PDB file of N, CA and C in Angstrom:
ATOM      1  N   MET A   1      -0.639   2.866   3.324  1.00  0.00           N
ATOM      2  CA  MET A   1      -1.329   1.774   2.680  1.00  0.00           C
ATOM      3  C   MET A   1      -0.593   0.476   3.005  1.00  0.00           C
ATOM      4  N   THR A   2      -1.327  -0.584   3.143  1.00  0.00           N
ATOM      5  CA  THR A   2      -0.666  -1.862   3.325  1.00  0.00           C
ATOM      6  C   THR A   2      -0.264  -2.379   1.957  1.00  0.00           C
ATOM      7  N   LYS A   3       0.656  -3.328   1.938  1.00  0.00           N
ATOM      8  CA  LYS A   3       1.173  -3.824   0.671  1.00  0.00           C
ATOM      9  C   LYS A   3       0.070  -4.376  -0.226  1.00  0.00           C
ATOM     10  N   SER A   4      -0.897  -5.055   0.351  1.00  0.00           N
ATOM     11  CA  SER A   4      -1.956  -5.662  -0.451  1.00  0.00           C
ATOM     12  C   SER A   4      -2.932  -4.635  -1.012  1.00  0.00           C
ATOM     13  N   THR A   5      -2.929  -3.432  -0.483  1.00  0.00           N
ATOM     14  CA  THR A   5      -3.860  -2.418  -0.979  1.00  0.00           C
ATOM     15  C   THR A   5      -3.133  -1.170  -1.461  1.00  0.00           C
ATOM     16  N   GLU A   6      -1.893  -1.323  -1.926  1.00  0.00           N
ATOM     17  CA  GLU A   6      -1.178  -0.169  -2.446  1.00  0.00           C
ATOM     18  C   GLU A   6      -1.926   0.378  -3.661  1.00  0.00           C
ATOM     19  N   LEU A   7      -1.948   1.675  -3.757  1.00  0.00           N
ATOM     20  CA  LEU A   7      -2.680   2.316  -4.830  1.00  0.00           C
ATOM     21  C   LEU A   7      -1.751   2.717  -5.962  1.00  0.00           C
ATOM     22  N   LEU A   8      -2.298   2.752  -7.165  1.00  0.00           N
ATOM     23  CA  LEU A   8      -1.553   3.277  -8.287  1.00  0.00           C
ATOM     24  C   LEU A   8      -1.175   4.715  -7.996  1.00  0.00           C
ATOM     25  N   GLN A   9      -0.037   5.128  -8.529  1.00  0.00           N
ATOM     26  CA  GLN A   9       0.388   6.504  -8.320  1.00  0.00           C
ATOM     27  C   GLN A   9      -0.715   7.448  -8.806  1.00  0.00           C
ATOM     28  N   GLY A  10      -1.056   8.415  -8.033  1.00  0.00           N
ATOM     29  CA  GLY A  10      -2.096   9.368  -8.386  1.00  0.00           C
ATOM     30  C   GLY A  10      -3.469   9.008  -7.843  1.00  0.00           C
ATOM     31  N   THR A  11      -3.678   7.742  -7.498  1.00  0.00           N
ATOM     32  CA  THR A  11      -4.987   7.334  -6.998  1.00  0.00           C
ATOM     33  C   THR A  11      -5.279   7.955  -5.641  1.00  0.00           C
ATOM     34  N   LEU A  12      -4.269   8.053  -4.793  1.00  0.00           N
ATOM     35  CA  LEU A  12      -4.470   8.692  -3.493  1.00  0.00           C
ATOM     36  C   LEU A  12      -4.890  10.144  -3.681  1.00  0.00           C
ATOM     37  N   ASP A  13      -4.275  10.833  -4.627  1.00  0.00           N
ATOM     38  CA  ASP A  13      -4.667  12.215  -4.910  1.00  0.00           C
ATOM     39  C   ASP A  13      -6.140  12.285  -5.289  1.00  0.00           C
ATOM     40  N   LEU A  14      -6.576  11.379  -6.147  1.00  0.00           N
ATOM     41  CA  LEU A  14      -7.979  11.332  -6.560  1.00  0.00           C
ATOM     42  C   LEU A  14      -8.892  11.107  -5.357  1.00  0.00           C
ATOM     43  N   LEU A  15      -8.527  10.175  -4.486  1.00  0.00           N
ATOM     44  CA  LEU A  15      -9.353   9.891  -3.313  1.00  0.00           C
ATOM     45  C   LEU A  15      -9.432  11.093  -2.376  1.00  0.00           C
ATOM     46  N   ILE A  16      -8.316  11.764  -2.184  1.00  0.00           N
ATOM     47  CA  ILE A  16      -8.299  12.955  -1.328  1.00  0.00           C
ATOM     48  C   ILE A  16      -9.190  14.043  -1.920  1.00  0.00           C
ATOM     49  N   LEU A  17      -9.050  14.297  -3.211  1.00  0.00           N
ATOM     50  CA  LEU A  17      -9.880  15.319  -3.860  1.00  0.00           C
ATOM     51  C   LEU A  17     -11.364  14.971  -3.732  1.00  0.00           C
ATOM     52  N   LYS A  18     -11.689  13.708  -3.928  1.00  0.00           N
ATOM     53  CA  LYS A  18     -13.092  13.284  -3.844  1.00  0.00           C
ATOM     54  C   LYS A  18     -13.637  13.480  -2.435  1.00  0.00           C
ATOM     55  N   VAL A  19     -12.880  13.056  -1.433  1.00  0.00           N
ATOM     56  CA  VAL A  19     -13.326  13.198  -0.047  1.00  0.00           C
ATOM     57  C   VAL A  19     -13.495  14.678   0.311  1.00  0.00           C
ATOM     58  N   LEU A  20     -12.573  15.511  -0.140  1.00  0.00           N
ATOM     59  CA  LEU A  20     -12.668  16.941   0.167  1.00  0.00           C
ATOM     60  C   LEU A  20     -13.770  17.639  -0.617  1.00  0.00           C
ATOM     61  N   SER A  21     -14.299  16.999  -1.657  1.00  0.00           N
ATOM     62  CA  SER A  21     -15.421  17.599  -2.382  1.00  0.00           C
ATOM     63  C   SER A  21     -16.679  17.595  -1.528  1.00  0.00           C
ATOM     64  N   LEU A  22     -16.684  16.758  -0.488  1.00  0.00           N
ATOM     65  CA  LEU A  22     -17.831  16.673   0.414  1.00  0.00           C
ATOM     66  C   LEU A  22     -17.842  17.818   1.418  1.00  0.00           C
ATOM     67  N   GLU A  23     -16.658  18.089   2.020  1.00  0.00           N
ATOM     68  CA  GLU A  23     -16.528  19.145   3.020  1.00  0.00           C
ATOM     69  C   GLU A  23     -15.063  19.296   3.400  1.00  0.00           C
ATOM     70  N   PRO A  24     -14.678  20.448   3.948  1.00  0.00           N
ATOM     71  CA  PRO A  24     -13.296  20.607   4.433  1.00  0.00           C
ATOM     72  C   PRO A  24     -13.025  19.630   5.584  1.00  0.00           C
ATOM     73  N   MET A  25     -11.808  19.099   5.625  1.00  0.00           N
ATOM     74  CA  MET A  25     -11.440  18.132   6.666  1.00  0.00           C
ATOM     75  C   MET A  25      -9.976  18.284   7.023  1.00  0.00           C
ATOM     76  N   HIS A  26      -9.633  17.829   8.224  1.00  0.00           N
ATOM     77  CA  HIS A  26      -8.230  17.764   8.612  1.00  0.00           C
ATOM     78  C   HIS A  26      -7.699  16.392   8.191  1.00  0.00           C
ATOM     79  N   GLY A  27      -6.382  16.246   8.224  1.00  0.00           N
ATOM     80  CA  GLY A  27      -5.732  15.056   7.698  1.00  0.00           C
ATOM     81  C   GLY A  27      -6.252  13.745   8.259  1.00  0.00           C
ATOM     82  N   TRP A  28      -6.342  13.657   9.583  1.00  0.00           N
ATOM     83  CA  TRP A  28      -6.798  12.407  10.190  1.00  0.00           C
ATOM     84  C   TRP A  28      -8.210  12.058   9.722  1.00  0.00           C
ATOM     85  N   ALA A  29      -9.074  13.061   9.602  1.00  0.00           N
ATOM     86  CA  ALA A  29     -10.449  12.828   9.156  1.00  0.00           C
ATOM     87  C   ALA A  29     -10.486  12.354   7.708  1.00  0.00           C
ATOM     88  N   ILE A  30      -9.581  12.875   6.877  1.00  0.00           N
ATOM     89  CA  ILE A  30      -9.507  12.440   5.480  1.00  0.00           C
ATOM     90  C   ILE A  30      -9.171  10.953   5.433  1.00  0.00           C
ATOM     91  N   ALA A  31      -8.145  10.548   6.180  1.00  0.00           N
ATOM     92  CA  ALA A  31      -7.741   9.140   6.208  1.00  0.00           C
ATOM     93  C   ALA A  31      -8.877   8.252   6.711  1.00  0.00           C
ATOM     94  N   GLN A  32      -9.587   8.708   7.742  1.00  0.00           N
ATOM     95  CA  GLN A  32     -10.694   7.933   8.296  1.00  0.00           C
ATOM     96  C   GLN A  32     -11.856   7.831   7.310  1.00  0.00           C
ATOM     97  N   ARG A  33     -12.130   8.916   6.589  1.00  0.00           N
ATOM     98  CA  ARG A  33     -13.237   8.883   5.623  1.00  0.00           C
ATOM     99  C   ARG A  33     -12.924   7.916   4.481  1.00  0.00           C
ATOM    100  N   ILE A  34     -11.687   7.923   4.008  1.00  0.00           N
ATOM    101  CA  ILE A  34     -11.293   6.980   2.953  1.00  0.00           C
ATOM    102  C   ILE A  34     -11.444   5.548   3.458  1.00  0.00           C
ATOM    103  N   ARG A  35     -10.995   5.308   4.669  1.00  0.00           N
ATOM    104  CA  ARG A  35     -11.112   3.973   5.275  1.00  0.00           C
ATOM    105  C   ARG A  35     -12.576   3.568   5.392  1.00  0.00           C
ATOM    106  N   GLN A  36     -13.408   4.493   5.863  1.00  0.00           N
ATOM    107  CA  GLN A  36     -14.833   4.215   6.044  1.00  0.00           C
ATOM    108  C   GLN A  36     -15.520   3.936   4.708  1.00  0.00           C
ATOM    109  N   LEU A  37     -15.294   4.798   3.729  1.00  0.00           N
ATOM    110  CA  LEU A  37     -15.962   4.643   2.439  1.00  0.00           C
ATOM    111  C   LEU A  37     -15.498   3.403   1.675  1.00  0.00           C
ATOM    112  N   SER A  38     -14.265   2.964   1.941  1.00  0.00           N
ATOM    113  CA  SER A  38     -13.751   1.758   1.283  1.00  0.00           C
ATOM    114  C   SER A  38     -14.073   0.497   2.086  1.00  0.00           C
ATOM    115  N   LYS A  39     -14.901   0.643   3.099  1.00  0.00           N
ATOM    116  CA  LYS A  39     -15.288  -0.478   3.969  1.00  0.00           C
ATOM    117  C   LYS A  39     -14.050  -1.136   4.577  1.00  0.00           C
ATOM    118  N   ASP A  40     -13.146  -0.287   5.040  1.00  0.00           N
ATOM    119  CA  ASP A  40     -11.948  -0.706   5.767  1.00  0.00           C
ATOM    120  C   ASP A  40     -10.907  -1.418   4.889  1.00  0.00           C
ATOM    121  N   VAL A  41     -11.000  -1.275   3.576  1.00  0.00           N
ATOM    122  CA  VAL A  41     -10.023  -1.894   2.681  1.00  0.00           C
ATOM    123  C   VAL A  41      -8.817  -0.983   2.502  1.00  0.00           C
ATOM    124  N   LEU A  42      -9.059   0.306   2.312  1.00  0.00           N
ATOM    125  CA  LEU A  42      -7.975   1.259   2.079  1.00  0.00           C
ATOM    126  C   LEU A  42      -7.637   1.983   3.366  1.00  0.00           C
ATOM    127  N   ARG A  43      -6.394   1.840   3.776  1.00  0.00           N
ATOM    128  CA  ARG A  43      -5.910   2.517   4.981  1.00  0.00           C
ATOM    129  C   ARG A  43      -4.734   3.389   4.582  1.00  0.00           C
ATOM    130  N   VAL A  44      -4.917   4.674   4.694  1.00  0.00           N
ATOM    131  CA  VAL A  44      -3.885   5.631   4.289  1.00  0.00           C
ATOM    132  C   VAL A  44      -3.065   6.003   5.514  1.00  0.00           C
ATOM    133  N   ASN A  45      -1.771   5.744   5.463  1.00  0.00           N
ATOM    134  CA  ASN A  45      -0.930   6.112   6.601  1.00  0.00           C
ATOM    135  C   ASN A  45      -0.436   7.544   6.444  1.00  0.00           C
ATOM    136  N   GLN A  46       0.019   8.122   7.534  1.00  0.00           N
ATOM    137  CA  GLN A  46       0.460   9.519   7.531  1.00  0.00           C
ATOM    138  C   GLN A  46       1.630   9.745   6.588  1.00  0.00           C
ATOM    139  N   GLY A  47       2.485   8.741   6.441  1.00  0.00           N
ATOM    140  CA  GLY A  47       3.636   8.865   5.565  1.00  0.00           C
ATOM    141  C   GLY A  47       3.264   9.025   4.105  1.00  0.00           C
ATOM    142  N   ALA A  48       2.070   8.610   3.733  1.00  0.00           N
ATOM    143  CA  ALA A  48       1.577   8.798   2.366  1.00  0.00           C
ATOM    144  C   ALA A  48       0.628   9.998   2.283  1.00  0.00           C
ATOM    145  N   LEU A  49      -0.180  10.182   3.320  1.00  0.00           N
ATOM    146  CA  LEU A  49      -1.207  11.219   3.295  1.00  0.00           C
ATOM    147  C   LEU A  49      -0.635  12.633   3.263  1.00  0.00           C
ATOM    148  N   TYR A  50       0.238  12.946   4.201  1.00  0.00           N
ATOM    149  CA  TYR A  50       0.688  14.336   4.318  1.00  0.00           C
ATOM    150  C   TYR A  50       1.539  14.804   3.138  1.00  0.00           C
ATOM    151  N   PRO A  51       2.405  13.974   2.572  1.00  0.00           N
ATOM    152  CA  PRO A  51       3.081  14.415   1.343  1.00  0.00           C
ATOM    153  C   PRO A  51       2.086  14.666   0.197  1.00  0.00           C
ATOM    154  N   ALA A  52       1.043  13.830   0.113  1.00  0.00           N
ATOM    155  CA  ALA A  52       0.024  14.036  -0.922  1.00  0.00           C
ATOM    156  C   ALA A  52      -0.723  15.341  -0.682  1.00  0.00           C
ATOM    157  N   LEU A  53      -1.071  15.638   0.554  1.00  0.00           N
ATOM    158  CA  LEU A  53      -1.757  16.897   0.872  1.00  0.00           C
ATOM    159  C   LEU A  53      -0.876  18.099   0.513  1.00  0.00           C
ATOM    160  N   HIS A  54       0.395  18.026   0.836  1.00  0.00           N
ATOM    161  CA  HIS A  54       1.308  19.128   0.497  1.00  0.00           C
ATOM    162  C   HIS A  54       1.448  19.278  -1.013  1.00  0.00           C
ATOM    163  N   ARG A  55       1.516  18.163  -1.725  1.00  0.00           N
ATOM    164  CA  ARG A  55       1.611  18.206  -3.189  1.00  0.00           C
ATOM    165  C   ARG A  55       0.355  18.843  -3.792  1.00  0.00           C
ATOM    166  N   LEU A  56      -0.807  18.444  -3.316  1.00  0.00           N
ATOM    167  CA  LEU A  56      -2.067  19.001  -3.823  1.00  0.00           C
ATOM    168  C   LEU A  56      -2.198  20.481  -3.490  1.00  0.00           C
ATOM    169  N   GLU A  57      -1.707  20.861  -2.319  1.00  0.00           N
ATOM    170  CA  GLU A  57      -1.736  22.270  -1.930  1.00  0.00           C
ATOM    171  C   GLU A  57      -0.784  23.075  -2.811  1.00  0.00           C
ATOM    172  N   HIS A  58       0.378  22.530  -3.085  1.00  0.00           N
ATOM    173  CA  HIS A  58       1.358  23.196  -3.952  1.00  0.00           C
ATOM    174  C   HIS A  58       0.804  23.388  -5.366  1.00  0.00           C
ATOM    175  N   GLN A  59      -0.004  22.448  -5.820  1.00  0.00           N
ATOM    176  CA  GLN A  59      -0.606  22.536  -7.150  1.00  0.00           C
ATOM    177  C   GLN A  59      -1.863  23.412  -7.163  1.00  0.00           C
ATOM    178  N   ALA A  60      -2.217  23.945  -5.999  1.00  0.00           N
ATOM    179  CA  ALA A  60      -3.376  24.829  -5.829  1.00  0.00           C
ATOM    180  C   ALA A  60      -4.703  24.124  -6.077  1.00  0.00           C
ATOM    181  N   TRP A  61      -4.731  22.807  -5.872  1.00  0.00           N
ATOM    182  CA  TRP A  61      -5.977  22.060  -5.995  1.00  0.00           C
ATOM    183  C   TRP A  61      -6.703  21.990  -4.662  1.00  0.00           C
ATOM    184  N   ILE A  62      -5.967  22.195  -3.580  1.00  0.00           N
ATOM    185  CA  ILE A  62      -6.577  22.318  -2.259  1.00  0.00           C
ATOM    186  C   ILE A  62      -5.931  23.507  -1.556  1.00  0.00           C
ATOM    187  N   GLU A  63      -6.605  23.999  -0.536  1.00  0.00           N
ATOM    188  CA  GLU A  63      -6.039  25.050   0.300  1.00  0.00           C
ATOM    189  C   GLU A  63      -6.247  24.666   1.746  1.00  0.00           C
ATOM    190  N   ALA A  64      -5.423  25.241   2.613  1.00  0.00           N
ATOM    191  CA  ALA A  64      -5.469  24.862   4.017  1.00  0.00           C
ATOM    192  C   ALA A  64      -5.670  26.088   4.895  1.00  0.00           C
ATOM    193  N   ALA A  65      -6.364  25.872   5.998  1.00  0.00           N
ATOM    194  CA  ALA A  65      -6.569  26.918   7.002  1.00  0.00           C
ATOM    195  C   ALA A  65      -6.621  26.247   8.362  1.00  0.00           C
ATOM    196  N   TRP A  66      -6.086  26.916   9.347  1.00  0.00           N
ATOM    197  CA  TRP A  66      -6.101  26.367  10.698  1.00  0.00           C
ATOM    198  C   TRP A  66      -7.483  26.511  11.318  1.00  0.00           C
ATOM    199  N   GLY A  67      -7.877  25.494  12.042  1.00  0.00           N
ATOM    200  CA  GLY A  67      -9.157  25.501  12.727  1.00  0.00           C
ATOM    201  C   GLY A  67      -9.085  24.609  13.954  1.00  0.00           C
ATOM    202  N   GLU A  68     -10.228  24.386  14.551  1.00  0.00           N
ATOM    203  CA  GLU A  68     -10.298  23.567  15.751  1.00  0.00           C
ATOM    204  C   GLU A  68     -11.000  22.256  15.421  1.00  0.00           C
ATOM    205  N   SER A  69     -10.383  21.132  15.812  1.00  0.00           N
ATOM    206  CA  SER A  69     -10.955  19.817  15.535  1.00  0.00           C
ATOM    207  C   SER A  69     -12.086  19.504  16.501  1.00  0.00           C
ATOM    208  N   GLU A  70     -12.730  18.380  16.262  1.00  0.00           N
ATOM    209  CA  GLU A  70     -13.815  17.938  17.147  1.00  0.00           C
ATOM    210  C   GLU A  70     -13.316  17.641  18.551  1.00  0.00           C
ATOM    211  N   ASN A  71     -11.996  17.482  18.712  1.00  0.00           N
ATOM    212  CA  ASN A  71     -11.384  17.249  20.030  1.00  0.00           C
ATOM    213  C   ASN A  71     -10.852  18.540  20.646  1.00  0.00           C
ATOM    214  N   ASN A  72     -11.276  19.677  20.106  1.00  0.00           N
ATOM    215  CA  ASN A  72     -10.817  20.991  20.568  1.00  0.00           C
ATOM    216  C   ASN A  72      -9.305  21.168  20.442  1.00  0.00           C
ATOM    217  N   ARG A  73      -8.744  20.565  19.423  1.00  0.00           N
ATOM    218  CA  ARG A  73      -7.319  20.720  19.141  1.00  0.00           C
ATOM    219  C   ARG A  73      -7.148  21.497  17.855  1.00  0.00           C
ATOM    220  N   ARG A  74      -6.061  22.203  17.781  1.00  0.00           N
ATOM    221  CA  ARG A  74      -5.738  22.964  16.573  1.00  0.00           C
ATOM    222  C   ARG A  74      -5.385  21.985  15.458  1.00  0.00           C
ATOM    223  N   ALA A  75      -6.004  22.166  14.295  1.00  0.00           N
ATOM    224  CA  ALA A  75      -5.779  21.263  13.169  1.00  0.00           C
ATOM    225  C   ALA A  75      -5.839  22.052  11.872  1.00  0.00           C
ATOM    226  N   LYS A  76      -5.097  21.578  10.894  1.00  0.00           N
ATOM    227  CA  LYS A  76      -5.115  22.194   9.572  1.00  0.00           C
ATOM    228  C   LYS A  76      -6.238  21.548   8.770  1.00  0.00           C
ATOM    229  N   TYR A  77      -7.179  22.365   8.333  1.00  0.00           N
ATOM    230  CA  TYR A  77      -8.304  21.889   7.537  1.00  0.00           C
ATOM    231  C   TYR A  77      -8.037  22.164   6.068  1.00  0.00           C
ATOM    232  N   TYR A  78      -8.275  21.158   5.252  1.00  0.00           N
ATOM    233  CA  TYR A  78      -8.046  21.253   3.821  1.00  0.00           C
ATOM    234  C   TYR A  78      -9.382  21.337   3.110  1.00  0.00           C
ATOM    235  N   SER A  79      -9.433  22.160   2.069  1.00  0.00           N
ATOM    236  CA  SER A  79     -10.650  22.269   1.267  1.00  0.00           C
ATOM    237  C   SER A  79     -10.272  22.334  -0.205  1.00  0.00           C
ATOM    238  N   LEU A  80     -11.206  21.954  -1.036  1.00  0.00           N
ATOM    239  CA  LEU A  80     -11.007  21.927  -2.473  1.00  0.00           C
ATOM    240  C   LEU A  80     -11.114  23.343  -3.042  1.00  0.00           C
ATOM    241  N   THR A  81     -10.229  23.692  -3.945  1.00  0.00           N
ATOM    242  CA  THR A  81     -10.323  24.973  -4.645  1.00  0.00           C
ATOM    243  C   THR A  81     -11.134  24.773  -5.929  1.00  0.00           C
ATOM    244  N   LYS A  82     -11.414  25.860  -6.613  1.00  0.00           N
ATOM    245  CA  LYS A  82     -12.110  25.765  -7.901  1.00  0.00           C
ATOM    246  C   LYS A  82     -11.286  24.938  -8.879  1.00  0.00           C
ATOM    247  N   ALA A  83      -9.976  25.171  -8.893  1.00  0.00           N
ATOM    248  CA  ALA A  83      -9.083  24.387  -9.762  1.00  0.00           C
ATOM    249  C   ALA A  83      -9.093  22.914  -9.340  1.00  0.00           C
ATOM    250  N   GLY A  84      -9.207  22.669  -8.043  1.00  0.00           N
ATOM    251  CA  GLY A  84      -9.266  21.302  -7.541  1.00  0.00           C
ATOM    252  C   GLY A  84     -10.526  20.578  -7.985  1.00  0.00           C
ATOM    253  N   ARG A  85     -11.642  21.296  -8.020  1.00  0.00           N
ATOM    254  CA  ARG A  85     -12.895  20.686  -8.504  1.00  0.00           C
ATOM    255  C   ARG A  85     -12.773  20.306  -9.968  1.00  0.00           C
ATOM    256  N   ALA A  86     -12.157  21.178 -10.750  1.00  0.00           N
ATOM    257  CA  ALA A  86     -11.944  20.876 -12.171  1.00  0.00           C
ATOM    258  C   ALA A  86     -11.021  19.674 -12.318  1.00  0.00           C
ATOM    259  N   ARG A  87      -9.966  19.638 -11.527  1.00  0.00           N
ATOM    260  CA  ARG A  87      -9.027  18.519 -11.583  1.00  0.00           C
ATOM    261  C   ARG A  87      -9.711  17.221 -11.170  1.00  0.00           C
ATOM    262  N   LEU A  88     -10.554  17.279 -10.154  1.00  0.00           N
ATOM    263  CA  LEU A  88     -11.297  16.104  -9.712  1.00  0.00           C
ATOM    264  C   LEU A  88     -12.123  15.536 -10.859  1.00  0.00           C
ATOM    265  N   GLY A  89     -12.821  16.390 -11.579  1.00  0.00           N
ATOM    266  CA  GLY A  89     -13.616  15.929 -12.719  1.00  0.00           C
ATOM    267  C   GLY A  89     -12.769  15.225 -13.759  1.00  0.00           C
ATOM    268  N   ALA A  90     -11.632  15.810 -14.085  1.00  0.00           N
ATOM    269  CA  ALA A  90     -10.728  15.212 -15.069  1.00  0.00           C
ATOM    270  C   ALA A  90     -10.166  13.886 -14.565  1.00  0.00           C
ATOM    271  N   GLU A  91      -9.806  13.832 -13.285  1.00  0.00           N
ATOM    272  CA  GLU A  91      -9.248  12.608 -12.710  1.00  0.00           C
ATOM    273  C   GLU A  91     -10.296  11.498 -12.639  1.00  0.00           C
ATOM    274  N   GLU A  92     -11.531  11.851 -12.354  1.00  0.00           N
ATOM    275  CA  GLU A  92     -12.594  10.834 -12.321  1.00  0.00           C
ATOM    276  C   GLU A  92     -12.798  10.234 -13.709  1.00  0.00           C
ATOM    277  N   GLN A  93     -12.771  11.067 -14.744  1.00  0.00           N
ATOM    278  CA  GLN A  93     -12.906  10.562 -16.110  1.00  0.00           C
ATOM    279  C   GLN A  93     -11.738   9.650 -16.470  1.00  0.00           C
ATOM    280  N   SER A  94     -10.551  10.063 -16.097  1.00  0.00           N
ATOM    281  CA  SER A  94      -9.362   9.255 -16.361  1.00  0.00           C
ATOM    282  C   SER A  94      -9.444   7.915 -15.634  1.00  0.00           C
ATOM    283  N   TRP A  95      -9.874   7.943 -14.377  1.00  0.00           N
ATOM    284  CA  TRP A  95     -10.018   6.714 -13.596  1.00  0.00           C
ATOM    285  C   TRP A  95     -11.052   5.785 -14.233  1.00  0.00           C
ATOM    286  N   ASP A  96     -12.161   6.337 -14.699  1.00  0.00           N
ATOM    287  CA  ASP A  96     -13.196   5.523 -15.351  1.00  0.00           C
ATOM    288  C   ASP A  96     -12.633   4.823 -16.580  1.00  0.00           C
ATOM    289  N   ARG A  97     -11.851   5.542 -17.395  1.00  0.00           N
ATOM    290  CA  ARG A  97     -11.243   4.941 -18.587  1.00  0.00           C
ATOM    291  C   ARG A  97     -10.274   3.824 -18.198  1.00  0.00           C
ATOM    292  N   LEU A  98      -9.432   4.095 -17.199  1.00  0.00           N
ATOM    293  CA  LEU A  98      -8.448   3.109 -16.758  1.00  0.00           C
ATOM    294  C   LEU A  98      -9.119   1.866 -16.183  1.00  0.00           C
ATOM    295  N   SER A  99     -10.088   2.058 -15.304  1.00  0.00           N
ATOM    296  CA  SER A  99     -10.729   0.892 -14.676  1.00  0.00           C
ATOM    297  C   SER A  99     -11.529   0.085 -15.695  1.00  0.00           C
ATOM    298  N   THR A 100     -12.129   0.737 -16.674  1.00  0.00           N
ATOM    299  CA  THR A 100     -12.838   0.019 -17.735  1.00  0.00           C
ATOM    300  C   THR A 100     -11.859  -0.798 -18.562  1.00  0.00           C
ATOM    301  N   ALA A 101     -10.702  -0.230 -18.867  1.00  0.00           N
ATOM    302  CA  ALA A 101      -9.685  -0.949 -19.631  1.00  0.00           C
ATOM    303  C   ALA A 101      -9.164  -2.161 -18.861  1.00  0.00           C
ATOM    304  N   VAL A 102      -8.905  -1.998 -17.565  1.00  0.00           N
ATOM    305  CA  VAL A 102      -8.427  -3.112 -16.745  1.00  0.00           C
ATOM    306  C   VAL A 102      -9.483  -4.209 -16.678  1.00  0.00           C
ATOM    307  N   GLN A 103     -10.737  -3.830 -16.474  1.00  0.00           N
ATOM    308  CA  GLN A 103     -11.818  -4.827 -16.445  1.00  0.00           C
ATOM    309  C   GLN A 103     -11.923  -5.567 -17.778  1.00  0.00           C
ATOM    310  N   GLY A 104     -11.722  -4.846 -18.882  1.00  0.00           N
ATOM    311  CA  GLY A 104     -11.754  -5.492 -20.196  1.00  0.00           C
ATOM    312  C   GLY A 104     -10.693  -6.565 -20.334  1.00  0.00           C
ATOM    313  N   VAL A 105      -9.509  -6.274 -19.839  1.00  0.00           N
ATOM    314  CA  VAL A 105      -8.412  -7.251 -19.890  1.00  0.00           C
ATOM    315  C   VAL A 105      -8.723  -8.432 -18.969  1.00  0.00           C
ATOM    316  N   LEU A 106      -9.180  -8.165 -17.769  1.00  0.00           N
ATOM    317  CA  LEU A 106      -9.467  -9.236 -16.811  1.00  0.00           C
ATOM    318  C   LEU A 106     -10.571 -10.168 -17.310  1.00  0.00           C
ATOM    319  N   ARG A 107     -11.540  -9.635 -17.985  1.00  0.00           N
ATOM    320  CA  ARG A 107     -12.656 -10.451 -18.484  1.00  0.00           C
ATOM    321  C   ARG A 107     -12.258 -11.239 -19.734  1.00  0.00           C
ATOM    322  N   ALA A 108     -11.306 -10.716 -20.497  1.00  0.00           N
ATOM    323  CA  ALA A 108     -10.935 -11.338 -21.767  1.00  0.00           C
ATOM    324  C   ALA A 108      -9.940 -12.476 -21.580  1.00  0.00           C
ATOM    325  N   VAL A 109      -9.179 -12.428 -20.524  1.00  0.00           N
ATOM    326  CA  VAL A 109      -8.109 -13.412 -20.362  1.00  0.00           C
ATOM    327  C   VAL A 109      -8.571 -14.560 -19.489  1.00  0.00           C
TER     328      VAL A 109
END
């Protein structure tokens, strides 16, 4: 992430879970999808992405399997687990509460 678009701790996890709810993807594709969906505002670098993927895998919210990328290269594909879908729902609710609270402060001041 660039300094101007640094995310709150945990937000990257939420974005990864959301992107993987669409379909299994390899790391580079996850970063590109986040960039695309954010209209090029959020750029996730490998130094942030791969530790987050390993953390989510360790928590059993995602799982990984080797496959072949669109470039015919071996790549690790990540997919959401059942526990990951449940976590995504909880994280989306938490994000909604947080963003509503921040908007309330910004509008009031």
